[in-house]
Amino acid sequence: MPSVVQLTSEFGIANATAHKVLRALREEGLTYTEPGLGSFVAEKAEKAGVEEVT
């Protein structure tokens, strides 16, 4: 998953907005975060057939 910095740069959104989006995805069980490594797509999302957004 892109970092907060990458999201803010690519989509022109505020830092707080990027954090909210990542938190919402994590709360839905679609992603998980490894401290120091970043955010990753959860197995649940992969099985659900979530499409990649480009």
Foldseek 3Di string as FASTA:
>chain_A
DDDLVVCCVVVVDDSVVSVVVLVVCVVVVQWDADVPPGIDGHPVNVVVVDDDDD
